[in-house]
Amino acid sequence: MRKIVLIFFLLFISTRLLALGLGNIELNSSLNQAFDARIELLSPTPAEIDTLSIRLADLEAFDRAGIERVFILTSLRFEIEINDSGPDYIR
């Protein structure tokens, strides 16, 4: 019975992968300066860039990860930086 359910699931699931690779974070600010960092996007397609939405995780996601969501994090702003001569970034 398990094999039948697994085959049914594999036949009818979407083959589209809903994941985006992220590189290391590059910090461009010092202590007591406004936070400025970039995270490289690894191999995004143009369609992924066009539909990408970046935001801070909600409180439930922080709770699941066991991380305190301090209020100051709500002031962070994210934008996608498209670079024709190199990798794209989240800033």
PDB file of N, CA and C in Angstrom:
ATOM      1  N   MET A   1       0.822  -1.198   0.000  1.00  0.00           N
ATOM      2  CA  MET A   1       0.000   0.000   0.000  1.00  0.00           C
ATOM      3  C   MET A   1       0.865   1.260   0.000  1.00  0.00           C
ATOM      4  N   ARG A   2       1.969   1.250   0.769  1.00  0.00           N
ATOM      5  CA  ARG A   2       2.862   2.401   0.810  1.00  0.00           C
ATOM      6  C   ARG A   2       3.438   2.710  -0.567  1.00  0.00           C
ATOM      7  N   LYS A   3       3.806   1.660  -1.298  1.00  0.00           N
ATOM      8  CA  LYS A   3       4.391   1.857  -2.624  1.00  0.00           C
ATOM      9  C   LYS A   3       3.384   2.506  -3.575  1.00  0.00           C
ATOM     10  N   ILE A   4       2.130   2.120  -3.482  1.00  0.00           N
ATOM     11  CA  ILE A   4       1.094   2.692  -4.343  1.00  0.00           C
ATOM     12  C   ILE A   4       0.909   4.169  -4.028  1.00  0.00           C
ATOM     13  N   VAL A   5       0.866   4.517  -2.748  1.00  0.00           N
ATOM     14  CA  VAL A   5       0.712   5.913  -2.335  1.00  0.00           C
ATOM     15  C   VAL A   5       1.921   6.728  -2.792  1.00  0.00           C
ATOM     16  N   LEU A   6       3.116   6.188  -2.627  1.00  0.00           N
ATOM     17  CA  LEU A   6       4.326   6.880  -3.053  1.00  0.00           C
ATOM     18  C   LEU A   6       4.340   7.101  -4.568  1.00  0.00           C
ATOM     19  N   ILE A   7       3.988   6.105  -5.338  1.00  0.00           N
ATOM     20  CA  ILE A   7       3.946   6.248  -6.798  1.00  0.00           C
ATOM     21  C   ILE A   7       2.902   7.279  -7.199  1.00  0.00           C
ATOM     22  N   PHE A   8       1.717   7.231  -6.580  1.00  0.00           N
ATOM     23  CA  PHE A   8       0.673   8.210  -6.860  1.00  0.00           C
ATOM     24  C   PHE A   8       1.180   9.616  -6.557  1.00  0.00           C
ATOM     25  N   PHE A   9       1.828   9.788  -5.402  1.00  0.00           N
ATOM     26  CA  PHE A   9       2.355  11.094  -5.007  1.00  0.00           C
ATOM     27  C   PHE A   9       3.389  11.588  -6.008  1.00  0.00           C
ATOM     28  N   LEU A  10       4.309  10.742  -6.408  1.00  0.00           N
ATOM     29  CA  LEU A  10       5.363  11.147  -7.338  1.00  0.00           C
ATOM     30  C   LEU A  10       4.816  11.490  -8.722  1.00  0.00           C
ATOM     31  N   LEU A  11       3.745  10.819  -9.134  1.00  0.00           N
ATOM     32  CA  LEU A  11       3.165  11.084 -10.446  1.00  0.00           C
ATOM     33  C   LEU A  11       2.404  12.406 -10.507  1.00  0.00           C
ATOM     34  N   PHE A  12       1.854  12.831  -9.390  1.00  0.00           N
ATOM     35  CA  PHE A  12       0.968  13.982  -9.416  1.00  0.00           C
ATOM     36  C   PHE A  12       1.499  15.244  -8.726  1.00  0.00           C
ATOM     37  N   ILE A  13       2.702  15.183  -8.199  1.00  0.00           N
ATOM     38  CA  ILE A  13       3.260  16.399  -7.619  1.00  0.00           C
ATOM     39  C   ILE A  13       3.853  17.270  -8.703  1.00  0.00           C
ATOM     40  N   SER A  14       3.964  18.527  -8.412  1.00  0.00           N
ATOM     41  CA  SER A  14       4.568  19.459  -9.350  1.00  0.00           C
ATOM     42  C   SER A  14       6.064  19.197  -9.427  1.00  0.00           C
ATOM     43  N   THR A  15       6.621  19.285 -10.618  1.00  0.00           N
ATOM     44  CA  THR A  15       8.054  19.082 -10.786  1.00  0.00           C
ATOM     45  C   THR A  15       8.827  20.373 -10.620  1.00  0.00           C
ATOM     46  N   ARG A  16       8.143  21.457 -10.359  1.00  0.00           N
ATOM     47  CA  ARG A  16       8.794  22.748 -10.170  1.00  0.00           C
ATOM     48  C   ARG A  16       9.434  22.810  -8.788  1.00  0.00           C
ATOM     49  N   LEU A  17      10.692  23.193  -8.749  1.00  0.00           N
ATOM     50  CA  LEU A  17      11.408  23.299  -7.490  1.00  0.00           C
ATOM     51  C   LEU A  17      11.218  24.692  -6.920  1.00  0.00           C
ATOM     52  N   LEU A  18      10.771  24.775  -5.677  1.00  0.00           N
ATOM     53  CA  LEU A  18      10.498  26.057  -5.056  1.00  0.00           C
ATOM     54  C   LEU A  18      11.566  26.394  -4.020  1.00  0.00           C
ATOM     55  N   ALA A  19      12.805  26.430  -4.470  1.00  0.00           N
ATOM     56  CA  ALA A  19      13.904  26.761  -3.573  1.00  0.00           C
ATOM     57  C   ALA A  19      14.875  27.671  -4.299  1.00  0.00           C
ATOM     58  N   LEU A  20      15.555  28.480  -3.539  1.00  0.00           N
ATOM     59  CA  LEU A  20      16.524  29.405  -4.098  1.00  0.00           C
ATOM     60  C   LEU A  20      17.783  29.301  -3.264  1.00  0.00           C
ATOM     61  N   GLY A  21      18.918  29.136  -3.919  1.00  0.00           N
ATOM     62  CA  GLY A  21      20.175  29.023  -3.199  1.00  0.00           C
ATOM     63  C   GLY A  21      20.687  30.379  -2.746  1.00  0.00           C
ATOM     64  N   LEU A  22      21.179  30.420  -1.532  1.00  0.00           N
ATOM     65  CA  LEU A  22      21.739  31.649  -0.975  1.00  0.00           C
ATOM     66  C   LEU A  22      23.195  31.417  -0.626  1.00  0.00           C
ATOM     67  N   GLY A  23      24.026  32.410  -0.931  1.00  0.00           N
ATOM     68  CA  GLY A  23      25.437  32.337  -0.586  1.00  0.00           C
ATOM     69  C   GLY A  23      25.688  32.896   0.799  1.00  0.00           C
ATOM     70  N   ASN A  24      26.941  33.185   1.065  1.00  0.00           N
ATOM     71  CA  ASN A  24      27.326  33.748   2.363  1.00  0.00           C
ATOM     72  C   ASN A  24      26.880  35.194   2.479  1.00  0.00           C
ATOM     73  N   ILE A  25      26.772  35.665   3.712  1.00  0.00           N
ATOM     74  CA  ILE A  25      26.435  37.056   3.952  1.00  0.00           C
ATOM     75  C   ILE A  25      27.735  37.862   3.992  1.00  0.00           C
ATOM     76  N   GLU A  26      27.732  38.993   3.323  1.00  0.00           N
ATOM     77  CA  GLU A  26      28.890  39.894   3.287  1.00  0.00           C
ATOM     78  C   GLU A  26      28.499  41.178   4.017  1.00  0.00           C
ATOM     79  N   LEU A  27      29.101  41.415   5.157  1.00  0.00           N
ATOM     80  CA  LEU A  27      28.783  42.574   5.975  1.00  0.00           C
ATOM     81  C   LEU A  27      29.591  43.776   5.494  1.00  0.00           C
ATOM     82  N   ASN A  28      28.906  44.890   5.205  1.00  0.00           N
ATOM     83  CA  ASN A  28      29.553  46.096   4.700  1.00  0.00           C
ATOM     84  C   ASN A  28      29.470  47.261   5.678  1.00  0.00           C
ATOM     85  N   SER A  29      29.094  47.019   6.900  1.00  0.00           N
ATOM     86  CA  SER A  29      28.980  48.088   7.896  1.00  0.00           C
ATOM     87  C   SER A  29      29.762  47.690   9.141  1.00  0.00           C
ATOM     88  N   SER A  30      30.048  48.678   9.939  1.00  0.00           N
ATOM     89  CA  SER A  30      30.780  48.471  11.197  1.00  0.00           C
ATOM     90  C   SER A  30      29.857  48.713  12.379  1.00  0.00           C
ATOM     91  N   LEU A  31      30.388  48.471  13.549  1.00  0.00           N
ATOM     92  CA  LEU A  31      29.645  48.689  14.780  1.00  0.00           C
ATOM     93  C   LEU A  31      29.168  50.136  14.861  1.00  0.00           C
ATOM     94  N   ASN A  32      27.939  50.333  15.286  1.00  0.00           N
ATOM     95  CA  ASN A  32      27.289  51.643  15.426  1.00  0.00           C
ATOM     96  C   ASN A  32      27.000  52.327  14.086  1.00  0.00           C
ATOM     97  N   GLN A  33      27.051  51.595  12.993  1.00  0.00           N
ATOM     98  CA  GLN A  33      26.636  52.105  11.695  1.00  0.00           C
ATOM     99  C   GLN A  33      25.337  51.409  11.310  1.00  0.00           C
ATOM    100  N   ALA A  34      24.626  52.012  10.361  1.00  0.00           N
ATOM    101  CA  ALA A  34      23.422  51.359   9.845  1.00  0.00           C
ATOM    102  C   ALA A  34      23.816  50.008   9.242  1.00  0.00           C
ATOM    103  N   PHE A  35      23.027  48.989   9.526  1.00  0.00           N
ATOM    104  CA  PHE A  35      23.332  47.642   9.044  1.00  0.00           C
ATOM    105  C   PHE A  35      23.271  47.599   7.522  1.00  0.00           C
ATOM    106  N   ASP A  36      24.336  47.123   6.906  1.00  0.00           N
ATOM    107  CA  ASP A  36      24.411  47.006   5.450  1.00  0.00           C
ATOM    108  C   ASP A  36      25.094  45.688   5.129  1.00  0.00           C
ATOM    109  N   ALA A  37      24.367  44.796   4.495  1.00  0.00           N
ATOM    110  CA  ALA A  37      24.914  43.486   4.156  1.00  0.00           C
ATOM    111  C   ALA A  37      24.340  43.018   2.833  1.00  0.00           C
ATOM    112  N   ARG A  38      25.050  42.082   2.202  1.00  0.00           N
ATOM    113  CA  ARG A  38      24.602  41.487   0.943  1.00  0.00           C
ATOM    114  C   ARG A  38      24.676  39.978   1.051  1.00  0.00           C
ATOM    115  N   ILE A  39      23.666  39.324   0.480  1.00  0.00           N
ATOM    116  CA  ILE A  39      23.633  37.863   0.420  1.00  0.00           C
ATOM    117  C   ILE A  39      23.531  37.487  -1.052  1.00  0.00           C
ATOM    118  N   GLU A  40      24.514  36.754  -1.531  1.00  0.00           N
ATOM    119  CA  GLU A  40      24.536  36.374  -2.940  1.00  0.00           C
ATOM    120  C   GLU A  40      23.423  35.376  -3.246  1.00  0.00           C
ATOM    121  N   LEU A  41      22.751  35.585  -4.381  1.00  0.00           N
ATOM    122  CA  LEU A  41      21.765  34.630  -4.876  1.00  0.00           C
ATOM    123  C   LEU A  41      22.495  33.664  -5.793  1.00  0.00           C
ATOM    124  N   LEU A  42      22.379  32.388  -5.525  1.00  0.00           N
ATOM    125  CA  LEU A  42      23.094  31.378  -6.294  1.00  0.00           C
ATOM    126  C   LEU A  42      22.245  30.874  -7.454  1.00  0.00           C
ATOM    127  N   SER A  43      22.632  31.222  -8.645  1.00  0.00           N
ATOM    128  CA  SER A  43      22.030  30.738  -9.889  1.00  0.00           C
ATOM    129  C   SER A  43      20.533  30.972 -10.024  1.00  0.00           C
ATOM    130  N   PRO A  44      20.045  32.165  -9.750  1.00  0.00           N
ATOM    131  CA  PRO A  44      18.605  32.390  -9.970  1.00  0.00           C
ATOM    132  C   PRO A  44      18.307  32.543 -11.460  1.00  0.00           C
ATOM    133  N   THR A  45      17.143  32.094 -11.865  1.00  0.00           N
ATOM    134  CA  THR A  45      16.713  32.304 -13.247  1.00  0.00           C
ATOM    135  C   THR A  45      16.037  33.669 -13.331  1.00  0.00           C
ATOM    136  N   PRO A  46      15.931  34.242 -14.533  1.00  0.00           N
ATOM    137  CA  PRO A  46      15.225  35.528 -14.659  1.00  0.00           C
ATOM    138  C   PRO A  46      13.790  35.468 -14.129  1.00  0.00           C
ATOM    139  N   ALA A  47      13.120  34.345 -14.319  1.00  0.00           N
ATOM    140  CA  ALA A  47      11.747  34.198 -13.810  1.00  0.00           C
ATOM    141  C   ALA A  47      11.727  34.219 -12.284  1.00  0.00           C
ATOM    142  N   GLU A  48      12.718  33.595 -11.661  1.00  0.00           N
ATOM    143  CA  GLU A  48      12.784  33.613 -10.201  1.00  0.00           C
ATOM    144  C   GLU A  48      13.025  35.022  -9.684  1.00  0.00           C
ATOM    145  N   ILE A  49      13.915  35.760 -10.337  1.00  0.00           N
ATOM    146  CA  ILE A  49      14.200  37.136  -9.922  1.00  0.00           C
ATOM    147  C   ILE A  49      12.941  37.992 -10.035  1.00  0.00           C
ATOM    148  N   ASP A  50      12.176  37.811 -11.129  1.00  0.00           N
ATOM    149  CA  ASP A  50      10.966  38.616 -11.338  1.00  0.00           C
ATOM    150  C   ASP A  50       9.891  38.351 -10.294  1.00  0.00           C
ATOM    151  N   THR A  51       9.844  37.150  -9.749  1.00  0.00           N
ATOM    152  CA  THR A  51       8.783  36.795  -8.812  1.00  0.00           C
ATOM    153  C   THR A  51       9.264  36.718  -7.367  1.00  0.00           C
ATOM    154  N   LEU A  52      10.521  37.022  -7.140  1.00  0.00           N
ATOM    155  CA  LEU A  52      11.102  36.897  -5.805  1.00  0.00           C
ATOM    156  C   LEU A  52      10.581  37.972  -4.864  1.00  0.00           C
ATOM    157  N   SER A  53      10.216  37.548  -3.668  1.00  0.00           N
ATOM    158  CA  SER A  53       9.741  38.460  -2.630  1.00  0.00           C
ATOM    159  C   SER A  53      10.556  38.181  -1.372  1.00  0.00           C
ATOM    160  N   ILE A  54      11.206  39.221  -0.843  1.00  0.00           N
ATOM    161  CA  ILE A  54      12.072  39.063   0.320  1.00  0.00           C
ATOM    162  C   ILE A  54      11.450  39.804   1.501  1.00  0.00           C
ATOM    163  N   ARG A  55      11.344  39.122   2.642  1.00  0.00           N
ATOM    164  CA  ARG A  55      10.826  39.765   3.851  1.00  0.00           C
ATOM    165  C   ARG A  55      11.340  39.005   5.060  1.00  0.00           C
ATOM    166  N   LEU A  56      11.242  39.638   6.204  1.00  0.00           N
ATOM    167  CA  LEU A  56      11.641  39.020   7.458  1.00  0.00           C
ATOM    168  C   LEU A  56      10.634  37.919   7.800  1.00  0.00           C
ATOM    169  N   ALA A  57      11.132  36.820   8.316  1.00  0.00           N
ATOM    170  CA  ALA A  57      10.256  35.709   8.698  1.00  0.00           C
ATOM    171  C   ALA A  57       9.276  36.152   9.780  1.00  0.00           C
ATOM    172  N   ASP A  58       8.117  35.498   9.803  1.00  0.00           N
ATOM    173  CA  ASP A  58       7.109  35.843  10.807  1.00  0.00           C
ATOM    174  C   ASP A  58       7.492  35.266  12.174  1.00  0.00           C
ATOM    175  N   LEU A  59       6.739  35.670  13.196  1.00  0.00           N
ATOM    176  CA  LEU A  59       7.024  35.276  14.574  1.00  0.00           C
ATOM    177  C   LEU A  59       6.997  33.762  14.748  1.00  0.00           C
ATOM    178  N   GLU A  60       6.087  33.086  14.068  1.00  0.00           N
ATOM    179  CA  GLU A  60       5.988  31.631  14.195  1.00  0.00           C
ATOM    180  C   GLU A  60       7.250  30.941  13.687  1.00  0.00           C
ATOM    181  N   ALA A  61       7.836  31.445  12.597  1.00  0.00           N
ATOM    182  CA  ALA A  61       9.073  30.864  12.067  1.00  0.00           C
ATOM    183  C   ALA A  61      10.225  31.064  13.044  1.00  0.00           C
ATOM    184  N   PHE A  62      10.293  32.233  13.666  1.00  0.00           N
ATOM    185  CA  PHE A  62      11.320  32.474  14.680  1.00  0.00           C
ATOM    186  C   PHE A  62      11.130  31.517  15.857  1.00  0.00           C
ATOM    187  N   ASP A  63       9.886  31.338  16.291  1.00  0.00           N
ATOM    188  CA  ASP A  63       9.603  30.424  17.405  1.00  0.00           C
ATOM    189  C   ASP A  63      10.010  28.994  17.068  1.00  0.00           C
ATOM    190  N   ARG A  64       9.686  28.536  15.859  1.00  0.00           N
ATOM    191  CA  ARG A  64      10.061  27.180  15.445  1.00  0.00           C
ATOM    192  C   ARG A  64      11.574  26.994  15.452  1.00  0.00           C
ATOM    193  N   ALA A  65      12.308  28.059  15.110  1.00  0.00           N
ATOM    194  CA  ALA A  65      13.769  27.986  15.083  1.00  0.00           C
ATOM    195  C   ALA A  65      14.386  28.203  16.454  1.00  0.00           C
ATOM    196  N   GLY A  66      13.562  28.586  17.442  1.00  0.00           N
ATOM    197  CA  GLY A  66      14.069  28.822  18.783  1.00  0.00           C
ATOM    198  C   GLY A  66      14.881  30.106  18.891  1.00  0.00           C
ATOM    199  N   ILE A  67      14.539  31.108  18.057  1.00  0.00           N
ATOM    200  CA  ILE A  67      15.250  32.379  18.035  1.00  0.00           C
ATOM    201  C   ILE A  67      14.293  33.481  18.457  1.00  0.00           C
ATOM    202  N   GLU A  68      14.778  34.371  19.308  1.00  0.00           N
ATOM    203  CA  GLU A  68      13.958  35.500  19.730  1.00  0.00           C
ATOM    204  C   GLU A  68      13.873  36.516  18.590  1.00  0.00           C
ATOM    205  N   ARG A  69      12.666  36.973  18.303  1.00  0.00           N
ATOM    206  CA  ARG A  69      12.483  37.994  17.264  1.00  0.00           C
ATOM    207  C   ARG A  69      12.399  39.353  17.953  1.00  0.00           C
ATOM    208  N   VAL A  70      13.538  40.016  18.033  1.00  0.00           N
ATOM    209  CA  VAL A  70      13.582  41.310  18.705  1.00  0.00           C
ATOM    210  C   VAL A  70      12.988  42.387  17.798  1.00  0.00           C
ATOM    211  N   PHE A  71      12.414  43.402  18.416  1.00  0.00           N
ATOM    212  CA  PHE A  71      11.672  44.437  17.688  1.00  0.00           C
ATOM    213  C   PHE A  71      12.519  45.162  16.653  1.00  0.00           C
ATOM    214  N   ILE A  72      13.787  45.380  16.941  1.00  0.00           N
ATOM    215  CA  ILE A  72      14.652  46.145  16.033  1.00  0.00           C
ATOM    216  C   ILE A  72      14.743  45.487  14.649  1.00  0.00           C
ATOM    217  N   LEU A  73      14.531  44.176  14.569  1.00  0.00           N
ATOM    218  CA  LEU A  73      14.596  43.487  13.279  1.00  0.00           C
ATOM    219  C   LEU A  73      13.497  43.943  12.324  1.00  0.00           C
ATOM    220  N   THR A  74      12.402  44.475  12.863  1.00  0.00           N
ATOM    221  CA  THR A  74      11.305  44.910  11.993  1.00  0.00           C
ATOM    222  C   THR A  74      11.681  46.132  11.164  1.00  0.00           C
ATOM    223  N   SER A  75      12.777  46.797  11.522  1.00  0.00           N
ATOM    224  CA  SER A  75      13.209  47.966  10.740  1.00  0.00           C
ATOM    225  C   SER A  75      14.108  47.572   9.559  1.00  0.00           C
ATOM    226  N   LEU A  76      14.476  46.303   9.455  1.00  0.00           N
ATOM    227  CA  LEU A  76      15.291  45.863   8.324  1.00  0.00           C
ATOM    228  C   LEU A  76      14.499  45.951   7.030  1.00  0.00           C
ATOM    229  N   ARG A  77      15.144  46.397   5.984  1.00  0.00           N
ATOM    230  CA  ARG A  77      14.534  46.481   4.656  1.00  0.00           C
ATOM    231  C   ARG A  77      15.372  45.665   3.696  1.00  0.00           C
ATOM    232  N   PHE A  78      14.713  44.920   2.836  1.00  0.00           N
ATOM    233  CA  PHE A  78      15.395  44.039   1.891  1.00  0.00           C
ATOM    234  C   PHE A  78      15.081  44.485   0.469  1.00  0.00           C
ATOM    235  N   GLU A  79      16.082  44.369  -0.399  1.00  0.00           N
ATOM    236  CA  GLU A  79      15.857  44.632  -1.816  1.00  0.00           C
ATOM    237  C   GLU A  79      16.752  43.708  -2.628  1.00  0.00           C
ATOM    238  N   ILE A  80      16.325  43.447  -3.827  1.00  0.00           N
ATOM    239  CA  ILE A  80      17.104  42.618  -4.746  1.00  0.00           C
ATOM    240  C   ILE A  80      17.969  43.536  -5.590  1.00  0.00           C
ATOM    241  N   GLU A  81      19.248  43.251  -5.617  1.00  0.00           N
ATOM    242  CA  GLU A  81      20.206  44.036  -6.382  1.00  0.00           C
ATOM    243  C   GLU A  81      20.644  43.201  -7.582  1.00  0.00           C
ATOM    244  N   ILE A  82      20.214  43.613  -8.764  1.00  0.00           N
ATOM    245  CA  ILE A  82      20.556  42.882  -9.980  1.00  0.00           C
ATOM    246  C   ILE A  82      21.852  43.457 -10.536  1.00  0.00           C
ATOM    247  N   ASN A  83      22.807  42.580 -10.783  1.00  0.00           N
ATOM    248  CA  ASN A  83      24.130  42.979 -11.219  1.00  0.00           C
ATOM    249  C   ASN A  83      24.428  42.319 -12.564  1.00  0.00           C
ATOM    250  N   ASP A  84      24.528  43.113 -13.630  1.00  0.00           N
ATOM    251  CA  ASP A  84      24.774  42.565 -14.968  1.00  0.00           C
ATOM    252  C   ASP A  84      26.162  41.948 -15.108  1.00  0.00           C
ATOM    253  N   SER A  85      27.123  42.414 -14.334  1.00  0.00           N
ATOM    254  CA  SER A  85      28.497  41.934 -14.488  1.00  0.00           C
ATOM    255  C   SER A  85      28.895  40.895 -13.446  1.00  0.00           C
ATOM    256  N   GLY A  86      27.985  40.472 -12.619  1.00  0.00           N
ATOM    257  CA  GLY A  86      28.311  39.497 -11.588  1.00  0.00           C
ATOM    258  C   GLY A  86      27.060  38.918 -10.978  1.00  0.00           C
ATOM    259  N   PRO A  87      27.201  38.292  -9.814  1.00  0.00           N
ATOM    260  CA  PRO A  87      26.025  37.656  -9.194  1.00  0.00           C
ATOM    261  C   PRO A  87      25.026  38.675  -8.669  1.00  0.00           C
ATOM    262  N   ASP A  88      23.763  38.272  -8.627  1.00  0.00           N
ATOM    263  CA  ASP A  88      22.703  39.101  -8.032  1.00  0.00           C
ATOM    264  C   ASP A  88      22.755  38.922  -6.516  1.00  0.00           C
ATOM    265  N   TYR A  89      22.226  39.922  -5.797  1.00  0.00           N
ATOM    266  CA  TYR A  89      22.285  39.919  -4.344  1.00  0.00           C
ATOM    267  C   TYR A  89      20.968  40.319  -3.728  1.00  0.00           C
ATOM    268  N   ILE A  90      20.797  39.915  -2.467  1.00  0.00           N
ATOM    269  CA  ILE A  90      19.781  40.492  -1.598  1.00  0.00           C
ATOM    270  C   ILE A  90      20.536  41.485  -0.739  1.00  0.00           C
ATOM    271  N   ARG A  91      20.049  42.688  -0.660  1.00  0.00           N
ATOM    272  CA  ARG A  91      20.708  43.710   0.149  1.00  0.00           C
ATOM    273  C   ARG A  91      19.761  44.144   1.250  1.00  0.00           C
TER     274      ARG A  91
END
